[in-house]
Amino acid sequence: MDFLSFYWRDVLDIALVTLLLYRILLLIRGTRAFSALIGLVVLVAVYALSHFIGLYSLSWLLENLFGSLFLVIVILFHDDIRQALAAMGTQYLSWKKRPAPSNMVGDLVWVCQYFAKRRIGALIVLEGKVQLGDMMKGGVVLDARISRELLLTIFFPNTALHDGAVIIRKGRIAAAGCILPLAQMDRQNFGTRHRAALGATEVSDATVIVVSEERGEVSVASKGHLAVMPDAEQLKETLNNVIEH
């Protein structure tokens, strides 16, 4: 073993690669990209086995597939890659957060219950670390204090901003009438508001409250999943876990 040279740079190199792979696995865990990674591992194992036992046609086919695999991954999973990079970047960015108003959760719960009882649709986005400036471009910038009266006015039926989403940033209503990206096609069993709520959480770390005018129920979307809030207490508990006071 004397011919093997092992220096501190090698240890650092291995440690950094291991850390990078670990962070990537954490970022894609529970997403479509993780399933794709498992499929890729299976393909690599099949390629190694076919090369070992002499299946030359299969080896040639897989070898050519791997040659363009990076481009295929970027095309198929561009949304997951963008979300992962955004999440990675925001973990190392720090800025002073404006504290949320003490009555913010109470106002949101009251308004959502009011809308649900009267079958009024609403879409409220709580911005996380990933900023949603691109979604705000199609809306109306407000930068207003959160109040029950303002939210009731925005989502009142047949008004100009009723069908869009409200984006809350740092405890204030940043914009209204915003258009959110719709979720993937396999979510077509949901209505437009619910698909928009899920779509926003698929490309960011936002939490979205959606009130269904058809069913008169309140749901919360987060990380691509939708949960129905059975009562005001459950909604309050969920929002308290999201909003930092």
Foldseek 3Di string as FASTA:
>chain_A
DVVDDDDPVNVVVVVVVVVVVVLVCVLCPPHPVVVVVVVVVVLVVVLVVCVVVPVVVSVVVSVVCVVCVVVVCCVVCVLSVLASVLVVVLVPDDDDFQAADPCLLVLVLVLLLVCLVQLFKAKEKEADSRDDPVQQPPWAFDQAADDNVVRCVQCPPPDPQNPWHFYDGRNTGGTTSTFADFADPVPVVDDRRVRRQLRNQSRYQMKMWIAGSVNSWIWIHGNNDIDTDPHSVSSSVVVVVVHDD
